[in-house]
């Protein structure tokens, strides 16, 4: 994860948190209740302010909702498309 850009580390960390979440309906998943900006920033090894900026951009794209706990990935397909476009899972 240390070779990833900080933004990519945030996306990757959200992806990992999704594995611990629960499906609400097709294409929507609730993240675990312990996920917050501080924990996400710490896990992604980024600043809280930078993490908040990235989350805001994801909210503007209607990919994630962080207004209430637990956070919700509102569009899993769009998030996976973002992961692919950022080459998050590309082999070195």
PDB file of N, CA and C in Angstrom:
ATOM      1  N   UNK A   1       0.820  -1.191   0.000  1.00  0.00           N
ATOM      2  CA  UNK A   1       0.000   0.000   0.000  1.00  0.00           C
ATOM      3  C   UNK A   1       0.865   1.256   0.000  1.00  0.00           C
ATOM      4  N   UNK A   2       2.137   1.163   0.382  1.00  0.00           N
ATOM      5  CA  UNK A   2       2.987   2.332   0.471  1.00  0.00           C
ATOM      6  C   UNK A   2       3.352   2.921  -0.883  1.00  0.00           C
ATOM      7  N   UNK A   3       3.159   2.174  -1.955  1.00  0.00           N
ATOM      8  CA  UNK A   3       3.469   2.689  -3.285  1.00  0.00           C
ATOM      9  C   UNK A   3       2.278   3.380  -3.914  1.00  0.00           C
ATOM     10  N   UNK A   4       1.155   3.335  -3.264  1.00  0.00           N
ATOM     11  CA  UNK A   4      -0.048   3.980  -3.778  1.00  0.00           C
ATOM     12  C   UNK A   4      -0.032   5.464  -3.422  1.00  0.00           C
ATOM     13  N   UNK A   5      -0.665   6.235  -4.266  1.00  0.00           N
ATOM     14  CA  UNK A   5      -0.915   7.639  -3.985  1.00  0.00           C
ATOM     15  C   UNK A   5      -1.882   7.698  -2.793  1.00  0.00           C
ATOM     16  N   UNK A   6      -1.822   8.730  -1.960  1.00  0.00           N
ATOM     17  CA  UNK A   6      -2.721   8.807  -0.806  1.00  0.00           C
ATOM     18  C   UNK A   6      -4.206   8.642  -1.153  1.00  0.00           C
ATOM     19  N   UNK A   7      -4.631   9.224  -2.267  1.00  0.00           N
ATOM     20  CA  UNK A   7      -6.034   9.074  -2.682  1.00  0.00           C
ATOM     21  C   UNK A   7      -6.359   7.604  -2.947  1.00  0.00           C
ATOM     22  N   UNK A   8      -5.449   6.908  -3.586  1.00  0.00           N
ATOM     23  CA  UNK A   8      -5.654   5.489  -3.860  1.00  0.00           C
ATOM     24  C   UNK A   8      -5.700   4.671  -2.567  1.00  0.00           C
ATOM     25  N   UNK A   9      -4.892   5.061  -1.593  1.00  0.00           N
ATOM     26  CA  UNK A   9      -4.914   4.349  -0.302  1.00  0.00           C
ATOM     27  C   UNK A   9      -6.263   4.508   0.386  1.00  0.00           C
ATOM     28  N   UNK A  10      -6.868   5.672   0.242  1.00  0.00           N
ATOM     29  CA  UNK A  10      -8.200   5.886   0.819  1.00  0.00           C
ATOM     30  C   UNK A  10      -9.208   4.988   0.122  1.00  0.00           C
ATOM     31  N   UNK A  11      -9.163   4.944  -1.204  1.00  0.00           N
ATOM     32  CA  UNK A  11     -10.089   4.075  -1.950  1.00  0.00           C
ATOM     33  C   UNK A  11      -9.886   2.611  -1.557  1.00  0.00           C
ATOM     34  N   UNK A  12      -8.636   2.190  -1.480  1.00  0.00           N
ATOM     35  CA  UNK A  12      -8.337   0.808  -1.121  1.00  0.00           C
ATOM     36  C   UNK A  12      -8.851   0.508   0.286  1.00  0.00           C
ATOM     37  N   UNK A  13      -8.659   1.423   1.195  1.00  0.00           N
ATOM     38  CA  UNK A  13      -9.116   1.226   2.567  1.00  0.00           C
ATOM     39  C   UNK A  13     -10.637   1.129   2.635  1.00  0.00           C
ATOM     40  N   UNK A  14     -11.323   1.964   1.876  1.00  0.00           N
ATOM     41  CA  UNK A  14     -12.787   1.859   1.818  1.00  0.00           C
ATOM     42  C   UNK A  14     -13.210   0.494   1.267  1.00  0.00           C
ATOM     43  N   UNK A  15     -12.474   0.030   0.269  1.00  0.00           N
ATOM     44  CA  UNK A  15     -12.769  -1.288  -0.302  1.00  0.00           C
ATOM     45  C   UNK A  15     -12.633  -2.383   0.764  1.00  0.00           C
ATOM     46  N   UNK A  16     -11.595  -2.318   1.552  1.00  0.00           N
ATOM     47  CA  UNK A  16     -11.395  -3.294   2.623  1.00  0.00           C
ATOM     48  C   UNK A  16     -12.548  -3.205   3.632  1.00  0.00           C
ATOM     49  N   UNK A  17     -12.943  -1.993   3.992  1.00  0.00           N
ATOM     50  CA  UNK A  17     -14.044  -1.811   4.939  1.00  0.00           C
ATOM     51  C   UNK A  17     -15.360  -2.353   4.388  1.00  0.00           C
ATOM     52  N   UNK A  18     -15.514  -2.291   3.066  1.00  0.00           N
ATOM     53  CA  UNK A  18     -16.726  -2.855   2.449  1.00  0.00           C
ATOM     54  C   UNK A  18     -16.849  -4.349   2.717  1.00  0.00           C
ATOM     55  N   UNK A  19     -15.715  -5.032   2.783  1.00  0.00           N
ATOM     56  CA  UNK A  19     -15.733  -6.474   3.014  1.00  0.00           C
ATOM     57  C   UNK A  19     -16.307  -6.809   4.393  1.00  0.00           C
ATOM     58  N   UNK A  20     -16.247  -5.840   5.297  1.00  0.00           N
ATOM     59  CA  UNK A  20     -16.754  -6.026   6.648  1.00  0.00           C
ATOM     60  C   UNK A  20     -18.173  -5.480   6.822  1.00  0.00           C
ATOM     61  N   UNK A  21     -18.700  -4.872   5.763  1.00  0.00           N
ATOM     62  CA  UNK A  21     -20.017  -4.259   5.822  1.00  0.00           C
ATOM     63  C   UNK A  21     -21.142  -5.243   5.554  1.00  0.00           C
ATOM     64  N   UNK A  22     -22.341  -4.703   5.416  1.00  0.00           N
ATOM     65  CA  UNK A  22     -23.506  -5.549   5.141  1.00  0.00           C
ATOM     66  C   UNK A  22     -24.328  -4.951   4.001  1.00  0.00           C
ATOM     67  N   UNK A  23     -24.770  -5.833   3.117  1.00  0.00           N
ATOM     68  CA  UNK A  23     -25.572  -5.404   1.978  1.00  0.00           C
ATOM     69  C   UNK A  23     -26.931  -4.899   2.474  1.00  0.00           C
ATOM     70  N   UNK A  24     -27.341  -3.761   1.948  1.00  0.00           N
ATOM     71  CA  UNK A  24     -28.642  -3.190   2.278  1.00  0.00           C
ATOM     72  C   UNK A  24     -29.630  -3.591   1.194  1.00  0.00           C
ATOM     73  N   UNK A  25     -29.195  -3.438  -0.044  1.00  0.00           N
ATOM     74  CA  UNK A  25     -29.952  -3.840  -1.229  1.00  0.00           C
ATOM     75  C   UNK A  25     -28.959  -3.913  -2.373  1.00  0.00           C
ATOM     76  N   UNK A  26     -29.441  -4.275  -3.528  1.00  0.00           N
ATOM     77  CA  UNK A  26     -28.542  -4.395  -4.677  1.00  0.00           C
ATOM     78  C   UNK A  26     -27.774  -3.087  -4.875  1.00  0.00           C
ATOM     79  N   UNK A  27     -26.460  -3.195  -4.965  1.00  0.00           N
ATOM     80  CA  UNK A  27     -25.568  -2.082  -5.253  1.00  0.00           C
ATOM     81  C   UNK A  27     -25.375  -1.097  -4.096  1.00  0.00           C
ATOM     82  N   UNK A  28     -25.837  -1.462  -2.899  1.00  0.00           N
ATOM     83  CA  UNK A  28     -25.703  -0.583  -1.732  1.00  0.00           C
ATOM     84  C   UNK A  28     -25.209  -1.401  -0.545  1.00  0.00           C
ATOM     85  N   UNK A  29     -24.198  -0.881   0.167  1.00  0.00           N
ATOM     86  CA  UNK A  29     -23.655  -1.597   1.328  1.00  0.00           C
ATOM     87  C   UNK A  29     -23.400  -0.625   2.477  1.00  0.00           C
ATOM     88  N   UNK A  30     -23.787  -1.044   3.683  1.00  0.00           N
ATOM     89  CA  UNK A  30     -23.468  -0.279   4.886  1.00  0.00           C
ATOM     90  C   UNK A  30     -22.089  -0.694   5.354  1.00  0.00           C
ATOM     91  N   UNK A  31     -21.273   0.303   5.663  1.00  0.00           N
ATOM     92  CA  UNK A  31     -19.954   0.026   6.230  1.00  0.00           C
ATOM     93  C   UNK A  31     -20.105  -0.237   7.731  1.00  0.00           C
ATOM     94  N   UNK A  32     -19.123  -0.861   8.346  1.00  0.00           N
ATOM     95  CA  UNK A  32     -19.196  -1.096   9.792  1.00  0.00           C
ATOM     96  C   UNK A  32     -19.330   0.230  10.559  1.00  0.00           C
ATOM     97  N   UNK A  33     -19.993   0.189  11.693  1.00  0.00           N
ATOM     98  CA  UNK A  33     -20.246   1.411  12.464  1.00  0.00           C
ATOM     99  C   UNK A  33     -18.967   2.071  12.984  1.00  0.00           C
ATOM    100  N   UNK A  34     -17.887   1.325  13.085  1.00  0.00           N
ATOM    101  CA  UNK A  34     -16.644   1.915  13.596  1.00  0.00           C
ATOM    102  C   UNK A  34     -15.919   2.766  12.557  1.00  0.00           C
ATOM    103  N   UNK A  35     -16.343   2.727  11.307  1.00  0.00           N
ATOM    104  CA  UNK A  35     -15.661   3.497  10.259  1.00  0.00           C
ATOM    105  C   UNK A  35     -16.029   4.977  10.401  1.00  0.00           C
ATOM    106  N   UNK A  36     -15.007   5.790  10.562  1.00  0.00           N
ATOM    107  CA  UNK A  36     -15.175   7.239  10.572  1.00  0.00           C
ATOM    108  C   UNK A  36     -13.944   7.856   9.891  1.00  0.00           C
ATOM    109  N   UNK A  37     -13.945   9.160   9.734  1.00  0.00           N
ATOM    110  CA  UNK A  37     -12.868   9.807   8.983  1.00  0.00           C
ATOM    111  C   UNK A  37     -11.517   9.629   9.669  1.00  0.00           C
ATOM    112  N   UNK A  38     -11.499   9.631  10.998  1.00  0.00           N
ATOM    113  CA  UNK A  38     -10.239   9.466  11.709  1.00  0.00           C
ATOM    114  C   UNK A  38      -9.655   8.071  11.492  1.00  0.00           C
ATOM    115  N   UNK A  39     -10.500   7.061  11.607  1.00  0.00           N
ATOM    116  CA  UNK A  39     -10.013   5.689  11.424  1.00  0.00           C
ATOM    117  C   UNK A  39      -9.626   5.429   9.973  1.00  0.00           C
ATOM    118  N   UNK A  40     -10.412   5.951   9.038  1.00  0.00           N
ATOM    119  CA  UNK A  40     -10.093   5.774   7.625  1.00  0.00           C
ATOM    120  C   UNK A  40      -8.763   6.452   7.298  1.00  0.00           C
ATOM    121  N   UNK A  41      -8.563   7.653   7.797  1.00  0.00           N
ATOM    122  CA  UNK A  41      -7.307   8.371   7.559  1.00  0.00           C
ATOM    123  C   UNK A  41      -6.124   7.607   8.153  1.00  0.00           C
ATOM    124  N   UNK A  42      -6.302   7.092   9.353  1.00  0.00           N
ATOM    125  CA  UNK A  42      -5.223   6.339   9.991  1.00  0.00           C
ATOM    126  C   UNK A  42      -4.915   5.065   9.204  1.00  0.00           C
ATOM    127  N   UNK A  43      -5.930   4.358   8.783  1.00  0.00           N
ATOM    128  CA  UNK A  43      -5.735   3.119   8.038  1.00  0.00           C
ATOM    129  C   UNK A  43      -5.061   3.387   6.691  1.00  0.00           C
ATOM    130  N   UNK A  44      -5.444   4.514   6.056  1.00  0.00           N
ATOM    131  CA  UNK A  44      -4.887   4.854   4.743  1.00  0.00           C
ATOM    132  C   UNK A  44      -3.569   5.623   4.854  1.00  0.00           C
ATOM    133  N   UNK A  45      -3.146   5.944   6.061  1.00  0.00           N
ATOM    134  CA  UNK A  45      -1.934   6.710   6.328  1.00  0.00           C
ATOM    135  C   UNK A  45      -1.977   8.043   5.567  1.00  0.00           C
ATOM    136  N   UNK A  46      -3.064   8.759   5.795  1.00  0.00           N
ATOM    137  CA  UNK A  46      -3.253  10.087   5.197  1.00  0.00           C
ATOM    138  C   UNK A  46      -3.755  11.025   6.290  1.00  0.00           C
ATOM    139  N   UNK A  47      -3.756  12.310   5.998  1.00  0.00           N
ATOM    140  CA  UNK A  47      -4.269  13.270   6.979  1.00  0.00           C
ATOM    141  C   UNK A  47      -5.796  13.213   7.013  1.00  0.00           C
ATOM    142  N   UNK A  48      -6.343  13.629   8.129  1.00  0.00           N
ATOM    143  CA  UNK A  48      -7.798  13.662   8.268  1.00  0.00           C
ATOM    144  C   UNK A  48      -8.394  14.650   7.277  1.00  0.00           C
ATOM    145  N   UNK A  49      -7.765  15.812   7.114  1.00  0.00           N
ATOM    146  CA  UNK A  49      -8.281  16.819   6.183  1.00  0.00           C
ATOM    147  C   UNK A  49      -8.301  16.300   4.750  1.00  0.00           C
ATOM    148  N   UNK A  50      -7.227  15.652   4.338  1.00  0.00           N
ATOM    149  CA  UNK A  50      -7.165  15.120   2.979  1.00  0.00           C
ATOM    150  C   UNK A  50      -8.223  14.024   2.794  1.00  0.00           C
ATOM    151  N   UNK A  51      -8.355  13.166   3.779  1.00  0.00           N
ATOM    152  CA  UNK A  51      -9.357  12.093   3.715  1.00  0.00           C
ATOM    153  C   UNK A  51     -10.756  12.689   3.615  1.00  0.00           C
ATOM    154  N   UNK A  52     -11.025  13.723   4.383  1.00  0.00           N
ATOM    155  CA  UNK A  52     -12.328  14.386   4.337  1.00  0.00           C
ATOM    156  C   UNK A  52     -12.588  14.980   2.954  1.00  0.00           C
ATOM    157  N   UNK A  53     -11.568  15.544   2.334  1.00  0.00           N
ATOM    158  CA  UNK A  53     -11.715  16.091   0.978  1.00  0.00           C
ATOM    159  C   UNK A  53     -12.078  15.004  -0.027  1.00  0.00           C
ATOM    160  N   UNK A  54     -11.419  13.859   0.070  1.00  0.00           N
ATOM    161  CA  UNK A  54     -11.697  12.751  -0.849  1.00  0.00           C
ATOM    162  C   UNK A  54     -13.104  12.225  -0.607  1.00  0.00           C
ATOM    163  N   UNK A  55     -13.493  12.100   0.644  1.00  0.00           N
ATOM    164  CA  UNK A  55     -14.858  11.646   0.957  1.00  0.00           C
ATOM    165  C   UNK A  55     -15.899  12.621   0.418  1.00  0.00           C
ATOM    166  N   UNK A  56     -15.606  13.925   0.524  1.00  0.00           N
ATOM    167  CA  UNK A  56     -16.529  14.934  -0.015  1.00  0.00           C
ATOM    168  C   UNK A  56     -16.700  14.750  -1.523  1.00  0.00           C
ATOM    169  N   UNK A  57     -15.612  14.499  -2.222  1.00  0.00           N
ATOM    170  CA  UNK A  57     -15.689  14.273  -3.669  1.00  0.00           C
ATOM    171  C   UNK A  57     -16.517  13.028  -3.982  1.00  0.00           C
ATOM    172  N   UNK A  58     -16.357  11.973  -3.177  1.00  0.00           N
ATOM    173  CA  UNK A  58     -17.145  10.756  -3.378  1.00  0.00           C
ATOM    174  C   UNK A  58     -18.626  11.005  -3.088  1.00  0.00           C
ATOM    175  N   UNK A  59     -18.906  11.859  -2.117  1.00  0.00           N
ATOM    176  CA  UNK A  59     -20.295  12.212  -1.830  1.00  0.00           C
ATOM    177  C   UNK A  59     -20.909  12.997  -2.985  1.00  0.00           C
ATOM    178  N   UNK A  60     -20.136  13.901  -3.554  1.00  0.00           N
ATOM    179  CA  UNK A  60     -20.630  14.703  -4.677  1.00  0.00           C
ATOM    180  C   UNK A  60     -20.931  13.839  -5.897  1.00  0.00           C
ATOM    181  N   UNK A  61     -20.245  12.710  -6.010  1.00  0.00           N
ATOM    182  CA  UNK A  61     -20.490  11.763  -7.106  1.00  0.00           C
ATOM    183  C   UNK A  61     -21.569  10.745  -6.739  1.00  0.00           C
ATOM    184  N   UNK A  62     -22.169  10.906  -5.554  1.00  0.00           N
ATOM    185  CA  UNK A  62     -23.208  10.000  -5.052  1.00  0.00           C
ATOM    186  C   UNK A  62     -22.717   8.557  -4.921  1.00  0.00           C
ATOM    187  N   UNK A  63     -21.439   8.409  -4.590  1.00  0.00           N
ATOM    188  CA  UNK A  63     -20.875   7.075  -4.400  1.00  0.00           C
ATOM    189  C   UNK A  63     -20.959   6.674  -2.934  1.00  0.00           C
ATOM    190  N   UNK A  64     -20.734   7.623  -2.038  1.00  0.00           N
ATOM    191  CA  UNK A  64     -20.737   7.321  -0.608  1.00  0.00           C
ATOM    192  C   UNK A  64     -21.551   8.367   0.144  1.00  0.00           C
ATOM    193  N   UNK A  65     -22.161   7.928   1.233  1.00  0.00           N
ATOM    194  CA  UNK A  65     -22.871   8.836   2.128  1.00  0.00           C
ATOM    195  C   UNK A  65     -22.248   8.708   3.510  1.00  0.00           C
ATOM    196  N   UNK A  66     -21.728   9.833   4.026  1.00  0.00           N
ATOM    197  CA  UNK A  66     -21.085   9.826   5.335  1.00  0.00           C
ATOM    198  C   UNK A  66     -21.824  10.720   6.327  1.00  0.00           C
ATOM    199  N   UNK A  67     -23.010  11.145   5.969  1.00  0.00           N
ATOM    200  CA  UNK A  67     -23.755  12.068   6.831  1.00  0.00           C
ATOM    201  C   UNK A  67     -24.247  11.409   8.108  1.00  0.00           C
ATOM    202  N   UNK A  68     -24.559  10.115   8.048  1.00  0.00           N
ATOM    203  CA  UNK A  68     -25.027   9.381   9.217  1.00  0.00           C
ATOM    204  C   UNK A  68     -24.131   8.175   9.430  1.00  0.00           C
ATOM    205  N   UNK A  69     -24.161   7.665  10.656  1.00  0.00           N
ATOM    206  CA  UNK A  69     -23.450   6.426  10.962  1.00  0.00           C
ATOM    207  C   UNK A  69     -24.461   5.298  10.963  1.00  0.00           C
ATOM    208  N   UNK A  70     -24.203   4.185  10.336  1.00  0.00           N
ATOM    209  CA  UNK A  70     -22.985   3.858   9.592  1.00  0.00           C
ATOM    210  C   UNK A  70     -22.976   4.509   8.211  1.00  0.00           C
ATOM    211  N   UNK A  71     -21.768   4.711   7.701  1.00  0.00           N
ATOM    212  CA  UNK A  71     -21.626   5.215   6.345  1.00  0.00           C
ATOM    213  C   UNK A  71     -22.165   4.189   5.361  1.00  0.00           C
ATOM    214  N   UNK A  72     -22.560   4.678   4.186  1.00  0.00           N
ATOM    215  CA  UNK A  72     -23.140   3.797   3.169  1.00  0.00           C
ATOM    216  C   UNK A  72     -22.446   4.031   1.838  1.00  0.00           C
ATOM    217  N   UNK A  73     -22.048   2.938   1.210  1.00  0.00           N
ATOM    218  CA  UNK A  73     -21.601   3.011  -0.185  1.00  0.00           C
ATOM    219  C   UNK A  73     -22.890   2.925  -0.997  1.00  0.00           C
ATOM    220  N   UNK A  74     -23.267   4.031  -1.611  1.00  0.00           N
ATOM    221  CA  UNK A  74     -24.554   4.139  -2.301  1.00  0.00           C
ATOM    222  C   UNK A  74     -24.542   3.533  -3.699  1.00  0.00           C
ATOM    223  N   UNK A  75     -23.347   3.416  -4.289  1.00  0.00           N
ATOM    224  CA  UNK A  75     -23.238   2.896  -5.651  1.00  0.00           C
ATOM    225  C   UNK A  75     -21.965   2.057  -5.757  1.00  0.00           C
ATOM    226  N   UNK A  76     -22.118   0.780  -5.445  1.00  0.00           N
ATOM    227  CA  UNK A  76     -20.967  -0.132  -5.463  1.00  0.00           C
ATOM    228  C   UNK A  76     -20.357  -0.211  -6.855  1.00  0.00           C
ATOM    229  N   UNK A  77     -21.182  -0.254  -7.870  1.00  0.00           N
ATOM    230  CA  UNK A  77     -20.693  -0.354  -9.243  1.00  0.00           C
ATOM    231  C   UNK A  77     -19.816   0.848  -9.598  1.00  0.00           C
ATOM    232  N   UNK A  78     -20.269   2.032  -9.262  1.00  0.00           N
ATOM    233  CA  UNK A  78     -19.480   3.244  -9.545  1.00  0.00           C
ATOM    234  C   UNK A  78     -18.178   3.234  -8.753  1.00  0.00           C
ATOM    235  N   UNK A  79     -18.225   2.739  -7.514  1.00  0.00           N
ATOM    236  CA  UNK A  79     -17.005   2.667  -6.707  1.00  0.00           C
ATOM    237  C   UNK A  79     -16.019   1.680  -7.314  1.00  0.00           C
ATOM    238  N   UNK A  80     -16.498   0.529  -7.761  1.00  0.00           N
ATOM    239  CA  UNK A  80     -15.606  -0.441  -8.400  1.00  0.00           C
ATOM    240  C   UNK A  80     -15.027   0.106  -9.708  1.00  0.00           C
ATOM    241  N   UNK A  81     -15.825   0.861 -10.445  1.00  0.00           N
ATOM    242  CA  UNK A  81     -15.329   1.503 -11.666  1.00  0.00           C
ATOM    243  C   UNK A  81     -14.207   2.486 -11.327  1.00  0.00           C
ATOM    244  N   UNK A  82     -14.382   3.216 -10.234  1.00  0.00           N
ATOM    245  CA  UNK A  82     -13.345   4.139  -9.773  1.00  0.00           C
ATOM    246  C   UNK A  82     -12.077   3.381  -9.395  1.00  0.00           C
ATOM    247  N   UNK A  83     -12.224   2.269  -8.680  1.00  0.00           N
ATOM    248  CA  UNK A  83     -11.058   1.456  -8.317  1.00  0.00           C
ATOM    249  C   UNK A  83     -10.313   0.990  -9.562  1.00  0.00           C
ATOM    250  N   UNK A  84     -11.051   0.550 -10.560  1.00  0.00           N
ATOM    251  CA  UNK A  84     -10.433   0.095 -11.807  1.00  0.00           C
ATOM    252  C   UNK A  84      -9.732   1.243 -12.517  1.00  0.00           C
ATOM    253  N   UNK A  85     -10.368   2.414 -12.575  1.00  0.00           N
ATOM    254  CA  UNK A  85      -9.762   3.555 -13.272  1.00  0.00           C
ATOM    255  C   UNK A  85      -8.488   4.031 -12.574  1.00  0.00           C
ATOM    256  N   UNK A  86      -8.401   3.806 -11.280  1.00  0.00           N
ATOM    257  CA  UNK A  86      -7.216   4.193 -10.505  1.00  0.00           C
ATOM    258  C   UNK A  86      -6.184   3.069 -10.452  1.00  0.00           C
ATOM    259  N   UNK A  87      -6.466   1.956 -11.123  1.00  0.00           N
ATOM    260  CA  UNK A  87      -5.565   0.784 -11.136  1.00  0.00           C
ATOM    261  C   UNK A  87      -5.217   0.318  -9.723  1.00  0.00           C
ATOM    262  N   UNK A  88      -6.201   0.311  -8.856  1.00  0.00           N
ATOM    263  CA  UNK A  88      -5.966  -0.061  -7.464  1.00  0.00           C
ATOM    264  C   UNK A  88      -5.471  -1.501  -7.345  1.00  0.00           C
ATOM    265  N   UNK A  89      -5.979  -2.375  -8.185  1.00  0.00           N
ATOM    266  CA  UNK A  89      -5.618  -3.788  -8.066  1.00  0.00           C
ATOM    267  C   UNK A  89      -4.669  -4.252  -9.169  1.00  0.00           C
ATOM    268  N   UNK A  90      -4.011  -3.301  -9.829  1.00  0.00           N
ATOM    269  CA  UNK A  90      -3.057  -3.656 -10.880  1.00  0.00           C
ATOM    270  C   UNK A  90      -1.840  -4.332 -10.270  1.00  0.00           C
ATOM    271  N   UNK A  91      -1.325  -5.308 -10.957  1.00  0.00           N
ATOM    272  CA  UNK A  91      -0.127  -6.023 -10.515  1.00  0.00           C
ATOM    273  C   UNK A  91       1.103  -5.178 -10.878  1.00  0.00           C
ATOM    274  N   UNK A  92       2.138  -5.185 -10.025  1.00  0.00           N
ATOM    275  CA  UNK A  92       3.348  -4.390 -10.318  1.00  0.00           C
ATOM    276  C   UNK A  92       4.101  -4.940 -11.523  1.00  0.00           C
TER     277      UNK A  92
END
